[in-house]
Amino acid sequence: MHIEDKIGTVLKNKGPRRILSIAPDRTVFEALEMLADHDIGALLVCDGDHLFGMLSERDYARKCALMGHTSKETPVAEIMTSPVRSVTPEHTVDECLSIMTDHRFRHLPVLERDKVIGLVSIGDLVKWVIHSQQQAIGTLESYITGGYTA
């Protein structure tokens, strides 16, 4: 089943959310506090509207903890993933799932005219796919039982 819905639609359905980010010169410890406080797995690394990178729990585990760096002294810029793969509101759910699967990451920033307008996670997209499948099943059930009107 192909999901051709646009990421802009997914963002609108997520509802109004604050875009959480951290500046590249802040410490990894401050980033970890934000991740914990908001119960999220990744942060955008921005200076104003400019996206510099992303910091995930995976970045911390592999580039800080395992390398012996201290989170209270290491700036986010030293361990963030950069450059970051991003999408636009016009990308489809299928395209984004493919990007995430092919590149093995769980978060995609959504940019419009080089400005961050949102972030989608693999969880957001899986929920969208499940909802789309449920709608398709409901339509098929209605058709089979004679309740379908075109």
C-alpha atoms as a PDB file:
ATOM      1  CA  MET A   1       0.000   0.000   0.000  1.00  0.00           C
ATOM      2  CA  HIS A   2       1.477   3.318  -1.071  1.00  0.00           C
ATOM      3  CA  ILE A   3       0.910   6.363   1.091  1.00  0.00           C
ATOM      4  CA  GLU A   4       1.084   9.429  -1.120  1.00  0.00           C
ATOM      5  CA  ASP A   5      -0.074  11.848   1.588  1.00  0.00           C
ATOM      6  CA  LYS A   6       2.191  14.874   1.957  1.00  0.00           C
ATOM      7  CA  ILE A   7       4.352  15.488   5.014  1.00  0.00           C
ATOM      8  CA  GLY A   8       2.761  18.927   5.317  1.00  0.00           C
ATOM      9  CA  THR A   9      -0.542  17.147   6.025  1.00  0.00           C
ATOM     10  CA  VAL A  10       1.115  14.927   8.620  1.00  0.00           C
ATOM     11  CA  LEU A  11       2.546  18.005  10.382  1.00  0.00           C
ATOM     12  CA  LYS A  12      -0.853  19.743  10.403  1.00  0.00           C
ATOM     13  CA  ASN A  13      -2.462  16.652  11.944  1.00  0.00           C
ATOM     14  CA  LYS A  14       0.211  16.480  14.644  1.00  0.00           C
ATOM     15  CA  GLY A  15      -1.221  19.785  15.802  1.00  0.00           C
ATOM     16  CA  PRO A  16       0.615  22.864  17.017  1.00  0.00           C
ATOM     17  CA  ARG A  17       3.912  21.901  18.556  1.00  0.00           C
ATOM     18  CA  ARG A  18       6.919  23.847  19.589  1.00  0.00           C
ATOM     19  CA  ILE A  19       9.986  23.031  17.531  1.00  0.00           C
ATOM     20  CA  LEU A  20      12.617  22.073  20.057  1.00  0.00           C
ATOM     21  CA  SER A  21      16.193  22.938  19.255  1.00  0.00           C
ATOM     22  CA  ILE A  22      19.497  23.649  20.884  1.00  0.00           C
ATOM     23  CA  ALA A  23      22.341  25.943  19.833  1.00  0.00           C
ATOM     24  CA  PRO A  24      25.554  24.267  18.618  1.00  0.00           C
ATOM     25  CA  ASP A  25      27.632  25.916  21.366  1.00  0.00           C
ATOM     26  CA  ARG A  26      25.501  24.514  24.230  1.00  0.00           C
ATOM     27  CA  THR A  27      26.765  21.473  26.106  1.00  0.00           C
ATOM     28  CA  VAL A  28      25.752  17.905  25.430  1.00  0.00           C
ATOM     29  CA  PHE A  29      24.574  17.734  29.040  1.00  0.00           C
ATOM     30  CA  GLU A  30      22.092  20.564  28.393  1.00  0.00           C
ATOM     31  CA  ALA A  31      20.869  18.704  25.315  1.00  0.00           C
ATOM     32  CA  LEU A  32      20.420  15.502  27.323  1.00  0.00           C
ATOM     33  CA  GLU A  33      18.388  17.418  29.896  1.00  0.00           C
ATOM     34  CA  MET A  34      16.112  18.698  27.120  1.00  0.00           C
ATOM     35  CA  LEU A  35      15.709  15.213  25.675  1.00  0.00           C
ATOM     36  CA  ALA A  36      14.735  13.870  29.093  1.00  0.00           C
ATOM     37  CA  ASP A  37      12.470  16.803  30.018  1.00  0.00           C
ATOM     38  CA  HIS A  38      10.487  16.487  26.787  1.00  0.00           C
ATOM     39  CA  ASP A  39      10.711  12.676  26.500  1.00  0.00           C
ATOM     40  CA  ILE A  40      12.120  12.839  22.975  1.00  0.00           C
ATOM     41  CA  GLY A  41      14.975  11.089  21.187  1.00  0.00           C
ATOM     42  CA  ALA A  42      16.477  13.883  19.090  1.00  0.00           C
ATOM     43  CA  LEU A  43      16.927  17.638  18.940  1.00  0.00           C
ATOM     44  CA  LEU A  44      17.467  19.967  16.059  1.00  0.00           C
ATOM     45  CA  VAL A  45      20.699  21.942  16.354  1.00  0.00           C
ATOM     46  CA  CYS A  46      19.909  25.469  15.211  1.00  0.00           C
ATOM     47  CA  ASP A  47      21.154  29.005  15.458  1.00  0.00           C
ATOM     48  CA  GLY A  48      18.044  31.079  14.918  1.00  0.00           C
ATOM     49  CA  ASP A  49      16.259  29.619  11.910  1.00  0.00           C
ATOM     50  CA  HIS A  50      19.419  28.056  10.482  1.00  0.00           C
ATOM     51  CA  LEU A  51      19.676  24.264  10.835  1.00  0.00           C
ATOM     52  CA  PHE A  52      23.232  23.139  11.627  1.00  0.00           C
ATOM     53  CA  GLY A  53      22.595  19.508  12.522  1.00  0.00           C
ATOM     54  CA  MET A  54      20.757  17.081  14.746  1.00  0.00           C
ATOM     55  CA  LEU A  55      21.654  15.529  18.049  1.00  0.00           C
ATOM     56  CA  SER A  56      20.182  12.156  18.933  1.00  0.00           C
ATOM     57  CA  GLU A  57      20.560   9.730  21.776  1.00  0.00           C
ATOM     58  CA  ARG A  58      22.530   7.603  19.321  1.00  0.00           C
ATOM     59  CA  ASP A  59      24.982  10.480  18.721  1.00  0.00           C
ATOM     60  CA  TYR A  60      25.507  10.808  22.453  1.00  0.00           C
ATOM     61  CA  ALA A  61      26.030   7.082  22.985  1.00  0.00           C
ATOM     62  CA  ARG A  62      28.441   6.622  20.088  1.00  0.00           C
ATOM     63  CA  LYS A  63      30.300   9.924  19.918  1.00  0.00           C
ATOM     64  CA  CYS A  64      30.419  11.068  23.517  1.00  0.00           C
ATOM     65  CA  ALA A  65      29.943   8.272  26.040  1.00  0.00           C
ATOM     66  CA  LEU A  66      31.911   5.605  24.161  1.00  0.00           C
ATOM     67  CA  MET A  67      34.683   8.042  23.221  1.00  0.00           C
ATOM     68  CA  GLY A  68      35.231   9.138  26.816  1.00  0.00           C
ATOM     69  CA  HIS A  69      34.024  12.727  26.361  1.00  0.00           C
ATOM     70  CA  THR A  70      32.211  14.363  29.249  1.00  0.00           C
ATOM     71  CA  SER A  71      28.764  15.657  28.478  1.00  0.00           C
ATOM     72  CA  LYS A  72      29.167  18.713  30.718  1.00  0.00           C
ATOM     73  CA  GLU A  73      32.204  19.931  28.780  1.00  0.00           C
ATOM     74  CA  THR A  74      31.502  18.805  25.216  1.00  0.00           C
ATOM     75  CA  PRO A  75      29.683  21.235  22.928  1.00  0.00           C
ATOM     76  CA  VAL A  76      26.784  19.855  20.910  1.00  0.00           C
ATOM     77  CA  ALA A  77      28.566  20.846  17.666  1.00  0.00           C
ATOM     78  CA  GLU A  78      31.293  18.267  18.353  1.00  0.00           C
ATOM     79  CA  ILE A  79      28.973  15.255  18.318  1.00  0.00           C
ATOM     80  CA  MET A  80      25.932  16.321  16.291  1.00  0.00           C
ATOM     81  CA  THR A  81      25.106  14.706  12.976  1.00  0.00           C
ATOM     82  CA  SER A  82      25.819  17.139  10.171  1.00  0.00           C
ATOM     83  CA  PRO A  83      24.889  17.699   7.437  1.00  0.00           C
ATOM     84  CA  VAL A  84      21.313  16.661   8.056  1.00  0.00           C
ATOM     85  CA  ARG A  85      19.023  15.105   5.515  1.00  0.00           C
ATOM     86  CA  SER A  86      15.767  17.076   5.424  1.00  0.00           C
ATOM     87  CA  VAL A  87      12.489  17.035   3.522  1.00  0.00           C
ATOM     88  CA  THR A  88       9.889  19.576   2.443  1.00  0.00           C
ATOM     89  CA  PRO A  89       6.157  19.597   3.162  1.00  0.00           C
ATOM     90  CA  GLU A  90       5.676  18.276  -0.397  1.00  0.00           C
ATOM     91  CA  HIS A  91       7.524  15.000   0.232  1.00  0.00           C
ATOM     92  CA  THR A  92       5.221  12.020   0.633  1.00  0.00           C
ATOM     93  CA  VAL A  93       4.979   9.692   3.606  1.00  0.00           C
ATOM     94  CA  ASP A  94       6.353   6.884   1.411  1.00  0.00           C
ATOM     95  CA  GLU A  95       9.353   8.992   0.357  1.00  0.00           C
ATOM     96  CA  CYS A  96      10.144   9.861   3.962  1.00  0.00           C
ATOM     97  CA  LEU A  97       9.818   6.264   5.140  1.00  0.00           C
ATOM     98  CA  SER A  98      12.176   5.238   2.360  1.00  0.00           C
ATOM     99  CA  ILE A  99      14.728   7.930   3.295  1.00  0.00           C
ATOM    100  CA  MET A 100      14.586   6.920   6.958  1.00  0.00           C
ATOM    101  CA  THR A 101      14.921   3.225   6.174  1.00  0.00           C
ATOM    102  CA  ASP A 102      17.711   3.640   3.617  1.00  0.00           C
ATOM    103  CA  HIS A 103      19.777   5.938   5.844  1.00  0.00           C
ATOM    104  CA  ARG A 104      18.871   4.293   9.165  1.00  0.00           C
ATOM    105  CA  PHE A 105      17.643   7.307  11.087  1.00  0.00           C
ATOM    106  CA  ARG A 106      14.452   8.027  12.971  1.00  0.00           C
ATOM    107  CA  HIS A 107      13.883  11.769  12.579  1.00  0.00           C
ATOM    108  CA  LEU A 108      13.568  14.096   9.602  1.00  0.00           C
ATOM    109  CA  PRO A 109      13.482  17.878   9.814  1.00  0.00           C
ATOM    110  CA  VAL A 110      10.931  19.503   7.534  1.00  0.00           C
ATOM    111  CA  LEU A 111      12.149  22.689   5.877  1.00  0.00           C
ATOM    112  CA  GLU A 112      10.350  25.270   3.819  1.00  0.00           C
ATOM    113  CA  ARG A 113      12.545  27.853   2.089  1.00  0.00           C
ATOM    114  CA  ASP A 114      15.468  26.770   4.317  1.00  0.00           C
ATOM    115  CA  LYS A 115      13.446  27.430   7.489  1.00  0.00           C
ATOM    116  CA  VAL A 116      12.599  24.599   9.898  1.00  0.00           C
ATOM    117  CA  ILE A 117       8.829  24.197  10.104  1.00  0.00           C
ATOM    118  CA  GLY A 118       8.694  20.843  11.865  1.00  0.00           C
ATOM    119  CA  LEU A 119      10.153  17.455  12.583  1.00  0.00           C
ATOM    120  CA  VAL A 120       8.677  14.038  11.791  1.00  0.00           C
ATOM    121  CA  SER A 121       9.692  10.851  13.515  1.00  0.00           C
ATOM    122  CA  ILE A 122       9.394   7.277  12.345  1.00  0.00           C
ATOM    123  CA  GLY A 123       6.662   6.917  14.991  1.00  0.00           C
ATOM    124  CA  ASP A 124       4.674   9.785  13.434  1.00  0.00           C
ATOM    125  CA  LEU A 125       4.845   8.099  10.041  1.00  0.00           C
ATOM    126  CA  VAL A 126       3.966   4.629  11.345  1.00  0.00           C
ATOM    127  CA  LYS A 127       0.884   6.108  13.057  1.00  0.00           C
ATOM    128  CA  TRP A 128      -0.066   7.778   9.787  1.00  0.00           C
ATOM    129  CA  VAL A 129       0.302   4.525   7.834  1.00  0.00           C
ATOM    130  CA  ILE A 130      -1.808   2.606  10.380  1.00  0.00           C
ATOM    131  CA  HIS A 131      -4.519   5.280  10.226  1.00  0.00           C
ATOM    132  CA  SER A 132      -4.480   5.175   6.405  1.00  0.00           C
ATOM    133  CA  GLN A 133      -4.744   1.388   6.419  1.00  0.00           C
ATOM    134  CA  GLN A 134      -7.664   1.493   8.849  1.00  0.00           C
ATOM    135  CA  GLN A 135      -9.474   3.949   6.576  1.00  0.00           C
ATOM    136  CA  ALA A 136      -8.864   1.732   3.524  1.00  0.00           C
ATOM    137  CA  ILE A 137     -10.123  -1.339   5.405  1.00  0.00           C
ATOM    138  CA  GLY A 138     -13.248   0.540   6.493  1.00  0.00           C
ATOM    139  CA  THR A 139     -13.959   1.585   2.918  1.00  0.00           C
ATOM    140  CA  LEU A 140     -13.479  -1.984   1.652  1.00  0.00           C
ATOM    141  CA  GLU A 141     -15.700  -3.418   4.397  1.00  0.00           C
ATOM    142  CA  SER A 142     -18.374  -0.905   3.543  1.00  0.00           C
ATOM    143  CA  TYR A 143     -18.123  -1.793  -0.141  1.00  0.00           C
ATOM    144  CA  ILE A 144     -18.306  -5.534   0.536  1.00  0.00           C
ATOM    145  CA  THR A 145     -21.346  -5.202   2.776  1.00  0.00           C
ATOM    146  CA  GLY A 146     -23.142  -2.939   0.295  1.00  0.00           C
ATOM    147  CA  GLY A 147     -22.893   0.264   2.254  1.00  0.00           C
ATOM    148  CA  TYR A 148     -20.446   1.949  -0.140  1.00  0.00           C
ATOM    149  CA  THR A 149     -21.660   4.989  -2.061  1.00  0.00           C
ATOM    150  CA  ALA A 150     -19.436   6.571  -4.674  1.00  0.00           C
END
